[in-house]
Amino acid sequence: MIHLIYTGGTVGMVRRADGALEPAGIEGLLTHVPELRTLAACDYYTLEPPRDSVDIGPPDWLRLARYIGRRYLNYDGFVILHGTDTMVYTAAALAFLLEGLRKPVILTGAQLPIGDIRSDARNNLITAVELAACGHPQTREVAIYFHDRLMRGTRTVKTSISAFDAFASPDCPPLAQVGTDITFPPVPPLPPGPVTLTVHRRLNSNVALVKLFPGLTPELLQHLVGAPVQGVVLETFGSGNIPATPGLVEVLATAIRERDLPVVAITQQLQGRVRLEHYAAGRRLLEAGVVSGGDMTSSAALVKLMYLLGQDMSPQRRRELLAANLRGELSEEPA
């Protein structure tokens, strides 16, 4: 039995005679995909009220995690219908909140409404349900299915606002590739976790995503990382570079030292990893107490920071876990 959770988004829209879009609701959506009943037994739930994904955030992530946790033993897998704009954030959040997950939780959506003739919604929904029901071990985690790939939820980025192939996983192979057959390429396994599901119930969203840019001054950086910010994801140049502007690194060092502010560095580039030890600029960040985020995406790093700030732990332990691979969100370098 697969449980469908409808949150809103383009996938569940239909076009009126005047061309305007309006929500079809889960019942209306499912009338367009009668094939689902031949793939798996399904029932469904609507996260009320359905909404645009730009309005889905931490309270909704916690609500979804609790909902899945309460019904975890009743279903073989879950498929979440979600708008594309913030899908990667919701996927990352559920991966961190659902510790010890051993069943598929697959998010999918569409670029065109389900009622449009050329819509990608039908194939995305049908294949997401098929993958959730197939029983393959590489589906037993939080993932995103879109176009022809099942991708790890903590490694996925949105790359296009209009293409059907709208998502990518630049630094991690797909969990499944879908064509005339479904194949499961080798993929790095998730880190070992508990054998039973633990649903975490707290997030701290007092975090900031700061992108370095030419001309950034210490005064502006001080404003960006000051209170009430309690954690920072720092998007650096290349593999972890920061301009040599006098006082810039010192702003971070002071915040880390005086406020125990966790700061994790990632790259601005779509692909690749931060290596703070490689260049003098990166080493200055390391010496200031900045944590290397490896090849984490900005969405995964931001949500991971919210998750860790919501847990009761020491600042040192939080920094250690920021750099660790908890839910497959970063690649572990060979020893």
Protein backbone atom coordinates (compact mmCIF):
# COMPACT_ATOMS: atom_id res chain seq x y z
CA MET A 1 0.00 0.00 0.00
CA ILE A 2 1.36 3.40 -1.05
CA HIS A 3 0.19 6.60 0.63
CA LEU A 4 -0.09 9.70 -1.57
CA ILE A 5 0.30 13.06 0.19
CA TYR A 6 -0.85 16.08 -1.79
CA THR A 7 0.59 19.46 -0.75
CA GLY A 8 -0.31 21.56 -3.80
CA GLY A 9 1.75 22.91 -6.68
CA THR A 10 1.43 22.86 -10.46
CA VAL A 11 0.98 19.09 -10.56
CA GLY A 12 -2.53 19.41 -9.10
CA MET A 13 -3.76 22.32 -11.19
CA VAL A 14 -6.27 22.32 -14.04
CA ARG A 15 -6.75 25.03 -16.62
CA ARG A 16 -10.09 26.84 -16.79
CA ALA A 17 -11.71 27.86 -20.07
CA ASP A 18 -10.20 31.35 -19.69
CA GLY A 19 -6.71 29.84 -19.32
CA ALA A 20 -6.34 30.55 -15.60
CA LEU A 21 -5.13 27.75 -13.34
CA GLU A 22 -7.09 26.49 -10.37
CA PRO A 23 -6.48 23.62 -7.93
CA ALA A 24 -8.07 20.32 -8.96
CA GLY A 25 -7.65 18.71 -5.55
CA ILE A 26 -6.31 15.22 -5.10
CA GLU A 27 -9.55 13.60 -6.30
CA GLY A 28 -9.54 15.60 -9.52
CA LEU A 29 -5.86 14.91 -10.02
CA LEU A 30 -6.28 11.16 -9.70
CA THR A 31 -9.02 11.06 -12.34
CA HIS A 32 -6.26 11.81 -14.87
CA VAL A 33 -4.19 8.78 -13.82
CA PRO A 34 -6.49 5.72 -13.59
CA GLU A 35 -3.42 3.55 -14.29
CA LEU A 36 -2.27 3.99 -10.70
CA ARG A 37 -4.62 1.29 -9.47
CA THR A 38 -2.83 -1.26 -11.69
CA LEU A 39 0.56 -0.43 -10.11
CA ALA A 40 -0.21 -0.46 -6.41
CA ALA A 41 -2.97 -0.04 -3.90
CA CYS A 42 -3.02 3.66 -2.99
CA ASP A 43 -4.87 5.96 -0.68
CA TYR A 44 -4.31 9.65 -0.17
CA TYR A 45 -4.23 12.65 2.13
CA THR A 46 -4.22 16.39 1.45
CA LEU A 47 -2.06 18.71 3.51
CA GLU A 48 -4.61 21.45 4.12
CA PRO A 49 -4.69 23.95 2.70
CA PRO A 50 -2.90 22.99 -0.53
CA ARG A 51 -0.53 25.78 -1.47
CA ASP A 52 2.21 27.05 -3.70
CA SER A 53 5.49 25.47 -2.64
CA VAL A 54 7.06 28.88 -1.93
CA ASP A 55 4.77 28.97 1.11
CA ILE A 56 5.88 25.56 2.40
CA GLY A 57 8.51 25.84 5.11
CA PRO A 58 9.74 24.48 8.46
CA PRO A 59 6.33 24.17 10.18
CA ASP A 60 5.06 22.14 7.20
CA TRP A 61 8.21 19.96 7.15
CA LEU A 62 7.66 19.12 10.80
CA ARG A 63 3.99 18.43 10.16
CA LEU A 64 4.79 16.12 7.23
CA ALA A 65 7.43 14.26 9.25
CA ARG A 66 5.03 13.72 12.16
CA TYR A 67 2.30 12.60 9.77
CA ILE A 68 4.57 10.04 8.09
CA GLY A 69 5.83 8.87 11.47
CA ARG A 70 2.31 8.17 12.74
CA ARG A 71 1.48 6.11 9.65
CA TYR A 72 4.88 4.58 9.02
CA LEU A 73 3.91 1.02 9.92
CA ASN A 74 0.72 1.10 7.83
CA TYR A 75 2.30 1.66 4.41
CA ASP A 76 5.04 0.31 2.18
CA GLY A 77 5.98 3.77 0.97
CA PHE A 78 4.94 7.39 0.60
CA VAL A 79 4.70 9.66 -2.45
CA ILE A 80 4.47 13.41 -1.84
CA LEU A 81 3.06 15.66 -4.59
CA HIS A 82 4.81 19.00 -4.22
CA GLY A 83 5.49 22.21 -6.11
CA THR A 84 8.92 22.36 -7.72
CA ASP A 85 10.22 25.65 -6.33
CA THR A 86 11.02 24.39 -2.82
CA MET A 87 10.89 20.65 -3.38
CA VAL A 88 14.61 20.20 -2.66
CA TYR A 89 14.24 21.93 0.72
CA THR A 90 11.33 19.72 1.76
CA ALA A 91 13.18 16.60 0.63
CA ALA A 92 16.29 17.53 2.61
CA ALA A 93 14.23 18.41 5.67
CA LEU A 94 12.39 15.09 5.66
CA ALA A 95 15.67 13.23 5.26
CA PHE A 96 17.05 14.83 8.42
CA LEU A 97 13.82 14.65 10.42
CA LEU A 98 13.09 10.98 9.61
CA GLU A 99 16.13 9.30 11.14
CA GLY A 100 16.29 5.55 10.59
CA LEU A 101 13.91 5.66 7.61
CA ARG A 102 13.69 2.29 5.86
CA LYS A 103 10.85 2.94 3.41
CA PRO A 104 10.53 5.09 0.29
CA VAL A 105 9.48 8.71 0.70
CA ILE A 106 9.45 10.05 -2.86
CA LEU A 107 8.64 13.64 -3.78
CA THR A 108 7.47 14.48 -7.27
CA GLY A 109 5.65 17.22 -9.13
CA ALA A 110 5.30 18.66 -12.60
CA GLN A 111 6.17 21.57 -14.83
CA LEU A 112 2.73 21.58 -16.48
CA PRO A 113 -0.67 20.98 -14.83
CA ILE A 114 -2.04 17.44 -14.87
CA GLY A 115 -4.89 18.48 -17.18
CA ASP A 116 -2.66 19.83 -19.95
CA ILE A 117 -2.23 17.56 -22.97
CA ARG A 118 1.59 17.68 -22.85
CA SER A 119 1.84 17.57 -19.07
CA ASP A 120 4.71 15.70 -17.45
CA ALA A 121 2.57 15.17 -14.34
CA ARG A 122 1.14 11.78 -15.30
CA ASN A 123 4.46 10.09 -15.98
CA ASN A 124 6.11 11.62 -12.93
CA LEU A 125 3.31 10.49 -10.62
CA ILE A 126 2.94 7.02 -12.15
CA THR A 127 6.66 6.31 -12.01
CA ALA A 128 7.05 7.70 -8.50
CA VAL A 129 4.35 5.30 -7.29
CA GLU A 130 5.92 2.43 -9.23
CA LEU A 131 9.31 3.12 -7.62
CA ALA A 132 7.79 3.46 -4.15
CA ALA A 133 6.12 0.07 -4.57
CA CYS A 134 8.96 -1.83 -6.26
CA GLY A 135 10.80 -2.87 -3.09
CA HIS A 136 14.32 -2.13 -4.37
CA PRO A 137 16.68 -1.17 -1.51
CA GLN A 138 17.86 1.99 -3.32
CA THR A 139 14.37 3.46 -3.03
CA ARG A 140 14.24 3.22 0.77
CA GLU A 141 15.10 6.81 1.58
CA VAL A 142 13.85 10.32 0.91
CA ALA A 143 14.21 10.96 -2.82
CA ILE A 144 12.97 13.14 -5.66
CA TYR A 145 11.64 11.61 -8.86
CA PHE A 146 11.49 13.87 -11.90
CA HIS A 147 11.56 13.27 -15.66
CA ASP A 148 13.55 10.02 -15.75
CA ARG A 149 15.63 9.91 -12.58
CA LEU A 150 15.19 9.09 -8.93
CA MET A 151 17.64 11.28 -7.00
CA ARG A 152 18.73 11.36 -3.37
CA GLY A 153 16.74 14.07 -1.61
CA THR A 154 19.75 15.62 0.10
CA ARG A 155 21.74 15.88 -3.15
CA THR A 156 19.20 17.29 -5.60
CA VAL A 157 19.09 20.81 -7.05
CA LYS A 158 16.56 22.50 -9.31
CA THR A 159 18.26 23.53 -12.56
CA SER A 160 15.46 24.83 -14.78
CA ILE A 161 12.22 26.74 -14.40
CA SER A 162 10.73 25.38 -17.64
CA ALA A 163 12.43 22.17 -18.82
CA PHE A 164 10.79 18.84 -18.02
CA ASP A 165 14.27 17.68 -16.96
CA ALA A 166 14.22 20.28 -14.19
CA PHE A 167 16.31 18.65 -11.46
CA ALA A 168 19.82 17.26 -11.21
CA SER A 169 22.11 15.55 -8.73
CA PRO A 170 25.53 16.89 -9.76
CA ASP A 171 27.68 15.15 -7.16
CA CYS A 172 25.79 11.90 -6.56
CA PRO A 173 24.64 9.29 -9.11
CA PRO A 174 20.88 8.77 -9.48
CA LEU A 175 19.28 6.13 -7.29
CA ALA A 176 17.35 4.91 -10.34
CA GLN A 177 17.32 5.64 -14.05
CA VAL A 178 14.02 5.22 -15.88
CA GLY A 179 13.59 4.42 -19.57
CA THR A 180 12.05 1.36 -21.19
CA ASP A 181 13.47 -0.38 -18.12
CA ILE A 182 14.20 0.84 -14.61
CA THR A 183 17.86 0.44 -13.67
CA PHE A 184 19.57 1.04 -10.37
CA PRO A 185 23.15 2.31 -10.86
CA PRO A 186 25.69 1.85 -8.05
CA VAL A 187 25.35 4.69 -5.56
CA PRO A 188 27.15 5.49 -2.29
CA PRO A 189 25.14 3.92 0.53
CA LEU A 190 23.59 5.98 3.27
CA PRO A 191 25.52 6.10 6.55
CA PRO A 192 24.43 3.45 9.08
CA GLY A 193 21.50 4.55 11.20
CA PRO A 194 19.11 3.23 13.84
CA VAL A 195 16.94 0.26 12.87
CA THR A 196 13.75 1.97 14.05
CA LEU A 197 12.34 5.28 12.87
CA THR A 198 12.94 8.37 14.99
CA VAL A 199 10.94 11.46 14.04
CA HIS A 200 12.74 14.62 15.13
CA ARG A 201 10.40 17.39 16.16
CA ARG A 202 12.44 20.60 16.25
CA LEU A 203 14.02 22.90 13.71
CA ASN A 204 15.60 26.30 14.29
CA SER A 205 15.15 28.51 11.24
CA ASN A 206 17.21 31.45 12.53
CA VAL A 207 19.82 30.76 9.87
CA ALA A 208 21.22 32.78 6.99
CA LEU A 209 22.51 31.87 3.54
CA VAL A 210 25.31 34.30 2.68
CA LYS A 211 26.75 34.33 -0.82
CA LEU A 212 30.17 35.94 -1.16
CA PHE A 213 30.48 38.48 -3.95
CA PRO A 214 33.08 40.96 -5.18
CA GLY A 215 32.79 44.16 -3.16
CA LEU A 216 31.35 42.59 0.01
CA THR A 217 32.47 44.75 2.94
CA PRO A 218 33.11 43.68 6.54
CA GLU A 219 30.36 46.08 7.65
CA LEU A 220 27.77 44.43 5.44
CA LEU A 221 28.94 40.93 6.38
CA GLN A 222 28.65 41.90 10.05
CA HIS A 223 25.04 42.90 9.42
CA LEU A 224 24.30 39.65 7.55
CA VAL A 225 25.65 37.35 10.28
CA GLY A 226 24.61 39.37 13.32
CA ALA A 227 21.83 38.57 15.79
CA PRO A 228 19.25 37.07 15.59
CA VAL A 229 21.10 34.79 13.14
CA GLN A 230 22.20 31.60 14.92
CA GLY A 231 23.84 29.76 12.03
CA VAL A 232 25.32 30.64 8.62
CA VAL A 233 25.77 28.78 5.35
CA LEU A 234 28.58 30.59 3.53
CA GLU A 235 28.63 30.20 -0.25
CA THR A 236 32.28 30.67 -1.15
CA PHE A 237 34.08 31.06 -4.46
CA GLY A 238 35.48 27.92 -6.08
CA SER A 239 36.71 25.33 -3.62
CA GLY A 240 36.44 27.59 -0.59
CA ASN A 241 37.95 30.97 -1.40
CA ILE A 242 37.09 34.29 0.21
CA PRO A 243 38.34 37.74 -0.84
CA ALA A 244 41.38 39.10 1.01
CA THR A 245 39.45 42.25 1.97
CA PRO A 246 40.84 43.36 5.36
CA GLY A 247 38.47 42.51 8.19
CA LEU A 248 36.25 40.11 6.24
CA VAL A 249 37.43 36.84 7.80
CA GLU A 250 37.77 38.59 11.16
CA VAL A 251 34.00 39.26 11.20
CA LEU A 252 33.38 35.52 10.95
CA ALA A 253 36.10 34.66 13.47
CA THR A 254 34.63 37.06 16.03
CA ALA A 255 31.09 35.74 15.60
CA ILE A 256 32.30 32.14 15.91
CA ARG A 257 34.43 32.90 18.96
CA GLU A 258 32.06 35.19 20.86
CA ARG A 259 28.66 33.73 19.90
CA ASP A 260 29.51 30.10 19.08
CA LEU A 261 28.00 30.85 15.67
CA PRO A 262 28.20 27.75 13.45
CA VAL A 263 29.39 28.70 9.96
CA VAL A 264 29.61 26.06 7.22
CA ALA A 265 31.29 26.77 3.89
CA ILE A 266 30.03 25.37 0.59
CA THR A 267 30.78 26.26 -3.02
CA GLN A 268 28.72 28.57 -5.21
CA GLN A 269 29.30 26.26 -8.16
CA LEU A 270 26.81 23.64 -9.26
CA GLN A 271 29.34 20.82 -9.02
CA GLY A 272 32.38 20.18 -6.87
CA ARG A 273 33.39 20.38 -3.24
CA VAL A 274 34.91 22.84 -0.82
CA ARG A 275 38.49 22.08 0.20
CA LEU A 276 39.43 24.80 2.65
CA GLU A 277 42.91 23.41 3.15
CA HIS A 278 43.91 23.82 -0.52
CA TYR A 279 44.41 27.60 -0.73
CA ALA A 280 45.58 30.29 1.66
CA ALA A 281 42.16 31.99 1.61
CA GLY A 282 40.44 28.75 2.56
CA ARG A 283 42.93 28.07 5.32
CA ARG A 284 42.10 31.46 6.80
CA LEU A 285 38.48 30.34 7.03
CA LEU A 286 39.51 27.09 8.70
CA GLU A 287 41.62 28.98 11.23
CA ALA A 288 38.64 31.23 11.94
CA GLY A 289 36.55 28.17 12.85
CA VAL A 290 34.51 27.81 9.66
CA VAL A 291 33.41 24.22 8.97
CA SER A 292 33.99 22.67 5.54
CA GLY A 293 30.70 21.56 4.00
CA GLY A 294 32.28 19.42 1.30
CA ASP A 295 29.94 19.05 -1.67
CA MET A 296 26.68 19.78 0.14
CA THR A 297 24.08 21.72 -1.83
CA SER A 298 22.97 25.04 -0.38
CA SER A 299 19.49 23.67 0.37
CA ALA A 300 20.83 20.61 2.17
CA ALA A 301 23.37 22.66 4.14
CA LEU A 302 20.74 25.20 5.19
CA VAL A 303 18.23 22.58 6.32
CA LYS A 304 20.96 20.53 8.03
CA LEU A 305 21.91 23.62 10.02
CA MET A 306 18.25 24.17 11.01
CA TYR A 307 18.07 20.54 12.10
CA LEU A 308 21.27 20.60 14.17
CA LEU A 309 20.38 23.92 15.81
CA GLY A 310 17.09 22.35 16.85
CA GLN A 311 18.83 19.53 18.72
CA ASP A 312 20.19 19.73 22.25
CA MET A 313 23.97 19.47 21.84
CA SER A 314 27.16 21.39 22.50
CA PRO A 315 28.49 23.88 19.92
CA GLN A 316 31.52 21.64 19.37
CA ARG A 317 29.34 18.59 18.71
CA ARG A 318 27.22 20.65 16.31
CA ARG A 319 30.32 21.64 14.33
CA GLU A 320 31.44 18.01 14.18
CA LEU A 321 28.07 16.88 12.82
CA LEU A 322 27.97 19.73 10.30
CA ALA A 323 31.08 18.25 8.70
CA ALA A 324 29.85 14.65 8.98
CA ASN A 325 27.77 12.69 6.49
CA LEU A 326 24.46 12.10 8.28
CA ARG A 327 21.89 11.38 5.52
CA GLY A 328 23.99 11.03 2.37
CA GLU A 329 24.18 14.82 1.98
CA LEU A 330 27.91 14.89 1.31
CA SER A 331 30.56 12.68 -0.23
CA GLU A 332 33.05 11.11 2.12
CA GLU A 333 36.61 11.54 0.87
CA PRO A 334 38.79 8.42 0.94
CA ALA A 335 41.08 8.16 3.95
